[in-house]
Amino acid sequence: MVISKAARDEYESVRFFYHSMTDALEGTKYHPKWQKDIYPAQEDLRDAIDKGELYIGRVGDRIAAAMVLNQQYNPEYEDIVWTMPLDRSEFMVIHMLGVHSDFAGRVDFELFELVL
């Protein structure tokens, strides 16, 4: 799996990925209860791509996973006693993480490559 930042011209592919993933999980216990173009919203996807915060994981030419990675978090995180004392600038939070059911549970990914 190659993980890289989504480019602006990949917006439609990313949107299709989230729609396809949501459809594939419909009726299963793993369905995230997301609704097409409501969550994740089109504007949020575009914004995350523009900010360089949306990452996609590809297996061959297919998007297998997607997520937003940034330093935004809910205020409740401030009340948690973390195992490591970190400054806000020292950690990242994963949002909108989705793995298509065609790739869920697979452990045969021998190589993960992060392309920045």
N, C-alpha and C. Protein backbone atom coordinates (compact mmCIF):
# COMPACT_ATOMS: atom_id res chain seq x y z
N MET A 1 0.85 -1.17 0.00
CA MET A 1 0.00 0.00 0.00
C MET A 1 0.89 1.22 0.00
N VAL A 2 0.61 2.14 -0.89
CA VAL A 2 1.34 3.40 -0.95
C VAL A 2 0.42 4.47 -0.40
N ILE A 3 0.88 5.18 0.62
CA ILE A 3 0.09 6.23 1.25
C ILE A 3 0.69 7.57 0.83
N SER A 4 -0.15 8.44 0.29
CA SER A 4 0.32 9.75 -0.16
C SER A 4 -0.77 10.79 0.04
N LYS A 5 -0.36 12.04 -0.01
CA LYS A 5 -1.32 13.14 0.07
C LYS A 5 -2.17 13.13 -1.20
N ALA A 6 -3.46 13.37 -1.03
CA ALA A 6 -4.35 13.45 -2.18
C ALA A 6 -4.10 14.77 -2.91
N ALA A 7 -4.08 14.69 -4.22
CA ALA A 7 -3.92 15.89 -5.04
C ALA A 7 -5.29 16.43 -5.42
N ARG A 8 -5.33 17.71 -5.77
CA ARG A 8 -6.62 18.34 -6.14
C ARG A 8 -7.35 17.59 -7.23
N ASP A 9 -6.61 17.07 -8.21
CA ASP A 9 -7.27 16.36 -9.31
C ASP A 9 -7.77 14.97 -8.91
N GLU A 10 -7.52 14.57 -7.67
CA GLU A 10 -8.01 13.28 -7.17
C GLU A 10 -9.30 13.41 -6.37
N TYR A 11 -9.83 14.63 -6.26
CA TYR A 11 -11.03 14.86 -5.46
C TYR A 11 -12.15 13.88 -5.81
N GLU A 12 -12.50 13.77 -7.08
CA GLU A 12 -13.62 12.89 -7.47
C GLU A 12 -13.34 11.43 -7.11
N SER A 13 -12.10 11.01 -7.24
CA SER A 13 -11.74 9.63 -6.87
C SER A 13 -11.89 9.41 -5.37
N VAL A 14 -11.49 10.41 -4.59
CA VAL A 14 -11.62 10.31 -3.13
C VAL A 14 -13.10 10.30 -2.74
N ARG A 15 -13.87 11.17 -3.33
CA ARG A 15 -15.31 11.22 -3.07
C ARG A 15 -15.96 9.88 -3.42
N PHE A 16 -15.60 9.33 -4.59
CA PHE A 16 -16.12 8.02 -4.99
C PHE A 16 -15.71 6.95 -4.00
N PHE A 17 -14.47 7.01 -3.51
CA PHE A 17 -14.01 6.04 -2.51
C PHE A 17 -14.92 6.05 -1.29
N TYR A 18 -15.16 7.24 -0.73
CA TYR A 18 -16.00 7.31 0.47
C TYR A 18 -17.42 6.82 0.19
N HIS A 19 -17.97 7.15 -0.96
CA HIS A 19 -19.31 6.67 -1.31
C HIS A 19 -19.31 5.15 -1.44
N SER A 20 -18.34 4.62 -2.14
CA SER A 20 -18.25 3.18 -2.36
C SER A 20 -18.05 2.43 -1.05
N MET A 21 -17.20 2.96 -0.19
CA MET A 21 -16.95 2.34 1.12
C MET A 21 -18.22 2.33 1.96
N THR A 22 -18.93 3.46 1.98
CA THR A 22 -20.16 3.55 2.74
C THR A 22 -21.20 2.55 2.22
N ASP A 23 -21.34 2.47 0.89
CA ASP A 23 -22.27 1.51 0.29
C ASP A 23 -21.89 0.07 0.64
N ALA A 24 -20.62 -0.25 0.56
CA ALA A 24 -20.16 -1.61 0.81
C ALA A 24 -20.40 -2.04 2.26
N LEU A 25 -20.40 -1.09 3.18
CA LEU A 25 -20.59 -1.42 4.60
C LEU A 25 -22.05 -1.32 5.04
N GLU A 26 -22.93 -0.90 4.14
CA GLU A 26 -24.36 -0.77 4.47
C GLU A 26 -24.89 -2.09 5.02
N GLY A 27 -25.56 -2.02 6.15
CA GLY A 27 -26.19 -3.20 6.74
C GLY A 27 -25.25 -4.08 7.55
N THR A 28 -23.97 -3.70 7.66
CA THR A 28 -23.04 -4.48 8.46
C THR A 28 -22.85 -3.82 9.82
N LYS A 29 -22.28 -4.55 10.75
CA LYS A 29 -22.04 -3.96 12.07
C LYS A 29 -20.93 -2.92 12.05
N TYR A 30 -20.19 -2.86 10.93
CA TYR A 30 -19.09 -1.91 10.81
C TYR A 30 -19.47 -0.65 10.05
N HIS A 31 -20.73 -0.50 9.68
CA HIS A 31 -21.14 0.68 8.92
C HIS A 31 -20.93 1.92 9.78
N PRO A 32 -20.22 2.93 9.25
CA PRO A 32 -19.91 4.11 10.06
C PRO A 32 -21.08 5.08 10.23
N LYS A 33 -22.20 4.79 9.61
CA LYS A 33 -23.39 5.66 9.67
C LYS A 33 -23.14 6.99 8.96
N TRP A 34 -22.19 7.00 8.04
CA TRP A 34 -21.93 8.19 7.24
C TRP A 34 -22.94 8.26 6.12
N GLN A 35 -23.26 9.47 5.70
CA GLN A 35 -24.18 9.68 4.59
C GLN A 35 -23.44 10.43 3.48
N LYS A 36 -23.66 9.97 2.27
CA LYS A 36 -22.96 10.55 1.12
C LYS A 36 -23.12 12.07 1.08
N ASP A 37 -21.99 12.73 0.95
CA ASP A 37 -21.89 14.18 0.82
C ASP A 37 -22.37 14.96 2.03
N ILE A 38 -22.77 14.26 3.09
CA ILE A 38 -23.09 14.92 4.37
C ILE A 38 -21.91 14.73 5.31
N TYR A 39 -21.48 13.49 5.44
CA TYR A 39 -20.23 13.19 6.16
C TYR A 39 -19.59 12.00 5.48
N PRO A 40 -18.38 12.16 4.96
CA PRO A 40 -17.70 13.44 4.86
C PRO A 40 -18.32 14.35 3.81
N ALA A 41 -18.40 15.61 4.14
CA ALA A 41 -18.99 16.60 3.24
C ALA A 41 -18.02 16.94 2.11
N GLN A 42 -18.57 17.28 0.96
CA GLN A 42 -17.74 17.65 -0.19
C GLN A 42 -16.78 18.78 0.16
N GLU A 43 -17.30 19.80 0.83
CA GLU A 43 -16.47 20.95 1.21
C GLU A 43 -15.33 20.53 2.12
N ASP A 44 -15.59 19.60 3.06
CA ASP A 44 -14.54 19.13 3.97
C ASP A 44 -13.46 18.36 3.21
N LEU A 45 -13.87 17.56 2.23
CA LEU A 45 -12.89 16.83 1.43
C LEU A 45 -12.01 17.80 0.64
N ARG A 46 -12.64 18.74 -0.02
CA ARG A 46 -11.88 19.73 -0.81
C ARG A 46 -10.93 20.52 0.09
N ASP A 47 -11.43 20.95 1.24
CA ASP A 47 -10.63 21.73 2.17
C ASP A 47 -9.42 20.92 2.66
N ALA A 48 -9.63 19.66 3.00
CA ALA A 48 -8.54 18.81 3.48
C ALA A 48 -7.50 18.57 2.39
N ILE A 49 -7.97 18.40 1.14
CA ILE A 49 -7.04 18.24 0.03
C ILE A 49 -6.23 19.52 -0.17
N ASP A 50 -6.92 20.66 -0.17
CA ASP A 50 -6.24 21.95 -0.37
C ASP A 50 -5.20 22.23 0.72
N LYS A 51 -5.48 21.80 1.94
CA LYS A 51 -4.55 22.02 3.06
C LYS A 51 -3.44 20.97 3.10
N GLY A 52 -3.53 19.94 2.25
CA GLY A 52 -2.53 18.87 2.26
C GLY A 52 -2.70 17.93 3.43
N GLU A 53 -3.93 17.79 3.92
CA GLU A 53 -4.20 16.97 5.10
C GLU A 53 -4.91 15.65 4.78
N LEU A 54 -5.34 15.47 3.54
CA LEU A 54 -6.05 14.25 3.18
C LEU A 54 -5.07 13.27 2.54
N TYR A 55 -4.99 12.09 3.14
CA TYR A 55 -4.08 11.05 2.67
C TYR A 55 -4.90 9.88 2.13
N ILE A 56 -4.39 9.27 1.06
CA ILE A 56 -5.04 8.09 0.51
C ILE A 56 -4.04 6.95 0.47
N GLY A 57 -4.55 5.76 0.71
CA GLY A 57 -3.74 4.56 0.62
C GLY A 57 -4.18 3.80 -0.63
N ARG A 58 -3.26 3.56 -1.53
CA ARG A 58 -3.57 2.86 -2.78
C ARG A 58 -2.95 1.47 -2.78
N VAL A 59 -3.71 0.56 -3.29
CA VAL A 59 -3.22 -0.78 -3.60
C VAL A 59 -3.36 -0.89 -5.11
N GLY A 60 -2.26 -0.88 -5.80
CA GLY A 60 -2.31 -0.79 -7.25
C GLY A 60 -2.88 0.56 -7.63
N ASP A 61 -3.89 0.57 -8.49
CA ASP A 61 -4.49 1.84 -8.90
C ASP A 61 -5.78 2.12 -8.15
N ARG A 62 -6.05 1.37 -7.09
CA ARG A 62 -7.32 1.52 -6.36
C ARG A 62 -7.10 2.13 -4.99
N ILE A 63 -7.97 3.06 -4.61
CA ILE A 63 -7.92 3.63 -3.26
C ILE A 63 -8.51 2.60 -2.30
N ALA A 64 -7.71 2.18 -1.34
CA ALA A 64 -8.13 1.19 -0.34
C ALA A 64 -8.51 1.87 0.97
N ALA A 65 -7.94 3.04 1.23
CA ALA A 65 -8.17 3.74 2.50
C ALA A 65 -7.96 5.24 2.30
N ALA A 66 -8.56 6.01 3.19
CA ALA A 66 -8.39 7.46 3.17
C ALA A 66 -8.55 7.99 4.59
N MET A 67 -7.90 9.12 4.85
CA MET A 67 -8.01 9.75 6.16
C MET A 67 -7.53 11.18 6.08
N VAL A 68 -7.96 11.96 7.05
CA VAL A 68 -7.46 13.31 7.23
C VAL A 68 -6.56 13.26 8.47
N LEU A 69 -5.40 13.88 8.33
CA LEU A 69 -4.42 13.88 9.41
C LEU A 69 -4.02 15.33 9.67
N ASN A 70 -4.34 15.81 10.89
CA ASN A 70 -4.00 17.19 11.24
C ASN A 70 -3.89 17.33 12.75
N GLN A 71 -3.77 18.56 13.22
CA GLN A 71 -3.62 18.80 14.65
C GLN A 71 -4.88 19.36 15.30
N GLN A 72 -6.02 19.19 14.66
CA GLN A 72 -7.28 19.65 15.23
C GLN A 72 -7.88 18.54 16.10
N TYR A 73 -8.43 18.94 17.22
CA TYR A 73 -9.05 17.97 18.11
C TYR A 73 -10.17 18.62 18.91
N ASN A 74 -11.00 17.78 19.47
CA ASN A 74 -12.12 18.25 20.29
C ASN A 74 -11.59 18.76 21.63
N PRO A 75 -12.28 19.75 22.21
CA PRO A 75 -11.82 20.30 23.50
C PRO A 75 -11.72 19.24 24.60
N GLU A 76 -12.49 18.17 24.49
CA GLU A 76 -12.46 17.12 25.51
C GLU A 76 -11.09 16.43 25.60
N TYR A 77 -10.31 16.50 24.54
CA TYR A 77 -8.98 15.90 24.55
C TYR A 77 -8.11 16.53 25.63
N GLU A 78 -8.39 17.80 25.97
CA GLU A 78 -7.60 18.51 26.98
C GLU A 78 -7.74 17.85 28.36
N ASP A 79 -8.85 17.16 28.62
CA ASP A 79 -9.10 16.56 29.93
C ASP A 79 -8.53 15.16 30.07
N ILE A 80 -8.00 14.60 28.99
CA ILE A 80 -7.48 13.24 29.02
C ILE A 80 -6.05 13.26 29.57
N VAL A 81 -5.75 12.28 30.43
CA VAL A 81 -4.39 12.11 30.92
C VAL A 81 -3.69 11.17 29.95
N TRP A 82 -2.83 11.72 29.10
CA TRP A 82 -2.13 10.94 28.08
C TRP A 82 -0.91 10.28 28.70
N THR A 83 -0.48 9.18 28.11
CA THR A 83 0.69 8.47 28.63
C THR A 83 1.99 9.22 28.39
N MET A 84 1.96 10.12 27.41
CA MET A 84 3.14 10.94 27.14
C MET A 84 2.74 12.41 27.15
N PRO A 85 3.44 13.22 27.91
CA PRO A 85 3.13 14.66 27.89
C PRO A 85 3.67 15.29 26.61
N LEU A 86 2.79 15.69 25.74
CA LEU A 86 3.19 16.28 24.47
C LEU A 86 2.58 17.66 24.31
N ASP A 87 3.34 18.52 23.68
CA ASP A 87 2.83 19.80 23.27
C ASP A 87 1.89 19.58 22.08
N ARG A 88 0.94 20.44 21.90
CA ARG A 88 -0.02 20.30 20.79
C ARG A 88 0.68 20.16 19.44
N SER A 89 1.81 20.78 19.27
CA SER A 89 2.52 20.72 17.99
C SER A 89 3.22 19.38 17.78
N GLU A 90 3.20 18.51 18.78
CA GLU A 90 3.94 17.25 18.69
C GLU A 90 3.08 16.03 18.35
N PHE A 91 1.79 16.22 18.10
CA PHE A 91 0.96 15.06 17.77
C PHE A 91 -0.02 15.40 16.66
N MET A 92 -0.53 14.35 16.05
CA MET A 92 -1.50 14.48 14.96
C MET A 92 -2.75 13.68 15.33
N VAL A 93 -3.88 14.06 14.77
CA VAL A 93 -5.15 13.39 15.02
C VAL A 93 -5.68 12.87 13.68
N ILE A 94 -6.20 11.66 13.70
CA ILE A 94 -6.77 11.06 12.49
C ILE A 94 -8.27 11.31 12.48
N HIS A 95 -8.77 11.80 11.33
CA HIS A 95 -10.19 12.05 11.14
C HIS A 95 -10.63 11.33 9.86
N MET A 96 -11.90 11.05 9.74
CA MET A 96 -12.51 10.50 8.52
C MET A 96 -11.76 9.27 8.00
N LEU A 97 -11.23 8.46 8.92
CA LEU A 97 -10.52 7.26 8.51
C LEU A 97 -11.51 6.24 7.95
N GLY A 98 -11.26 5.82 6.74
CA GLY A 98 -12.10 4.81 6.11
C GLY A 98 -11.25 3.79 5.39
N VAL A 99 -11.62 2.52 5.53
CA VAL A 99 -10.98 1.44 4.80
C VAL A 99 -12.08 0.71 4.06
N HIS A 100 -11.92 0.56 2.75
CA HIS A 100 -12.93 -0.13 1.96
C HIS A 100 -13.00 -1.58 2.42
N SER A 101 -14.19 -2.13 2.50
CA SER A 101 -14.36 -3.50 2.99
C SER A 101 -13.61 -4.52 2.15
N ASP A 102 -13.32 -4.21 0.90
CA ASP A 102 -12.54 -5.13 0.06
C ASP A 102 -11.12 -5.30 0.60
N PHE A 103 -10.68 -4.37 1.43
CA PHE A 103 -9.31 -4.42 1.96
C PHE A 103 -9.27 -4.58 3.48
N ALA A 104 -10.41 -4.56 4.14
CA ALA A 104 -10.46 -4.65 5.60
C ALA A 104 -9.94 -6.00 6.08
N GLY A 105 -9.19 -5.97 7.16
CA GLY A 105 -8.70 -7.19 7.78
C GLY A 105 -7.53 -7.84 7.06
N ARG A 106 -7.08 -7.25 6.00
CA ARG A 106 -5.96 -7.85 5.26
C ARG A 106 -4.66 -7.57 5.98
N VAL A 107 -3.87 -8.59 6.09
CA VAL A 107 -2.55 -8.45 6.69
C VAL A 107 -1.46 -8.78 5.67
N ASP A 108 -1.86 -8.89 4.42
CA ASP A 108 -0.90 -9.26 3.39
C ASP A 108 -0.21 -8.08 2.74
N PHE A 109 -0.39 -6.91 3.31
CA PHE A 109 0.33 -5.75 2.79
C PHE A 109 1.75 -5.83 3.33
N GLU A 110 2.66 -6.26 2.50
CA GLU A 110 4.03 -6.42 2.93
C GLU A 110 4.79 -5.12 2.97
N LEU A 111 4.31 -4.15 2.22
CA LEU A 111 5.06 -2.90 2.13
C LEU A 111 4.10 -1.72 2.29
N PHE A 112 4.42 -0.90 3.23
CA PHE A 112 3.72 0.37 3.37
C PHE A 112 4.72 1.44 3.01
N GLU A 113 4.35 2.30 2.14
CA GLU A 113 5.25 3.37 1.72
C GLU A 113 4.51 4.68 1.88
N LEU A 114 5.11 5.60 2.58
CA LEU A 114 4.53 6.93 2.77
C LEU A 114 5.24 7.90 1.85
N VAL A 115 4.48 8.48 0.96
CA VAL A 115 5.03 9.44 0.01
C VAL A 115 4.56 10.83 0.43
N LEU A 116 5.50 11.68 0.81
CA LEU A 116 5.13 13.02 1.27
C LEU A 116 5.31 14.02 0.20
